[in-house]
Amino acid sequence: MEIDEFLHKHVLIELKDGTNVEGIVIDIHQTDNYEDSIFYTTLNIRVDYNDYRLIYINEIDTIGEVK
């Protein structure tokens, strides 16, 4: 699956440090700044009613949709 296909879906993400994050992907932000050579993608995850996490794509080990 492409990363864009996870938008607005309930996902379970395992980070490279071994922690798990479960929530709904509410935004996918892709930054390409050629002047500063910055290229990264972040996922904004709604974990709980008032709890959000910003996760860089390079921190993710695995990601899957929760059914």
Protein backbone atom coordinates (compact mmCIF):
# COMPACT_ATOMS: atom_id res chain seq x y z
CA MET A 1 0.00 0.00 0.00
CA GLU A 2 1.06 3.55 -0.64
CA ILE A 3 1.28 5.85 2.38
CA ASP A 4 -1.53 8.03 1.00
CA GLU A 5 -3.93 5.08 1.18
CA PHE A 6 -3.77 5.18 5.01
CA LEU A 7 -5.33 8.66 5.19
CA HIS A 8 -8.46 8.70 7.42
CA LYS A 9 -7.96 5.04 8.40
CA HIS A 10 -7.40 3.43 11.78
CA VAL A 11 -3.80 2.17 11.80
CA LEU A 12 -1.34 0.40 14.05
CA ILE A 13 2.22 1.68 13.68
CA GLU A 14 5.28 -0.03 15.11
CA LEU A 15 8.16 2.39 15.47
CA LYS A 16 11.81 1.42 15.08
CA ASP A 17 12.34 1.86 18.82
CA GLY A 18 9.75 -0.88 19.48
CA THR A 19 6.84 1.27 20.65
CA ASN A 20 3.38 0.97 19.11
CA VAL A 21 1.08 3.83 18.16
CA GLU A 22 -2.56 3.18 17.31
CA GLY A 23 -4.88 5.83 15.94
CA ILE A 24 -6.43 7.49 12.92
CA VAL A 25 -4.25 9.13 10.27
CA ILE A 26 -5.73 12.61 9.93
CA ASP A 27 -3.05 14.25 7.80
CA ILE A 28 -0.04 13.31 5.69
CA HIS A 29 2.40 16.16 5.24
CA GLN A 30 5.17 15.93 2.65
CA THR A 31 7.94 18.53 2.63
CA ASP A 32 10.36 19.00 -0.24
CA ASN A 33 12.66 21.96 0.36
CA TYR A 34 15.35 21.77 -2.29
CA GLU A 35 17.23 24.81 -0.99
CA ASP A 36 17.90 23.18 2.39
CA SER A 37 17.93 19.60 1.01
CA ILE A 38 15.07 18.65 3.31
CA PHE A 39 12.85 15.79 2.16
CA TYR A 40 10.54 14.17 4.69
CA THR A 41 7.03 12.93 5.22
CA THR A 42 5.15 13.13 8.50
CA LEU A 43 1.93 11.49 9.63
CA ASN A 44 -0.40 13.27 12.02
CA ILE A 45 -2.10 10.57 14.08
CA ARG A 46 -5.12 11.10 16.31
CA VAL A 47 -4.46 8.71 19.18
CA ASP A 48 -7.24 9.84 21.49
CA TYR A 49 -9.87 12.55 21.68
CA ASN A 50 -7.32 15.22 22.70
CA ASP A 51 -4.06 13.40 21.93
CA TYR A 52 -2.24 13.74 18.62
CA ARG A 53 1.16 12.40 17.53
CA LEU A 54 3.38 13.64 14.74
CA ILE A 55 5.44 10.76 13.37
CA TYR A 56 8.22 11.04 10.81
CA ILE A 57 8.09 8.37 8.12
CA ASN A 58 11.70 7.33 8.83
CA GLU A 59 10.69 6.42 12.43
CA ILE A 60 8.20 3.79 11.22
CA ASP A 61 9.16 0.13 11.09
CA THR A 62 5.75 -1.26 10.07
CA ILE A 63 2.29 0.18 9.49
CA GLY A 64 -0.98 -1.62 8.98
CA GLU A 65 -4.69 -0.90 8.91
CA VAL A 66 -6.76 -2.05 11.90
CA LYS A 67 -9.94 -3.76 10.75
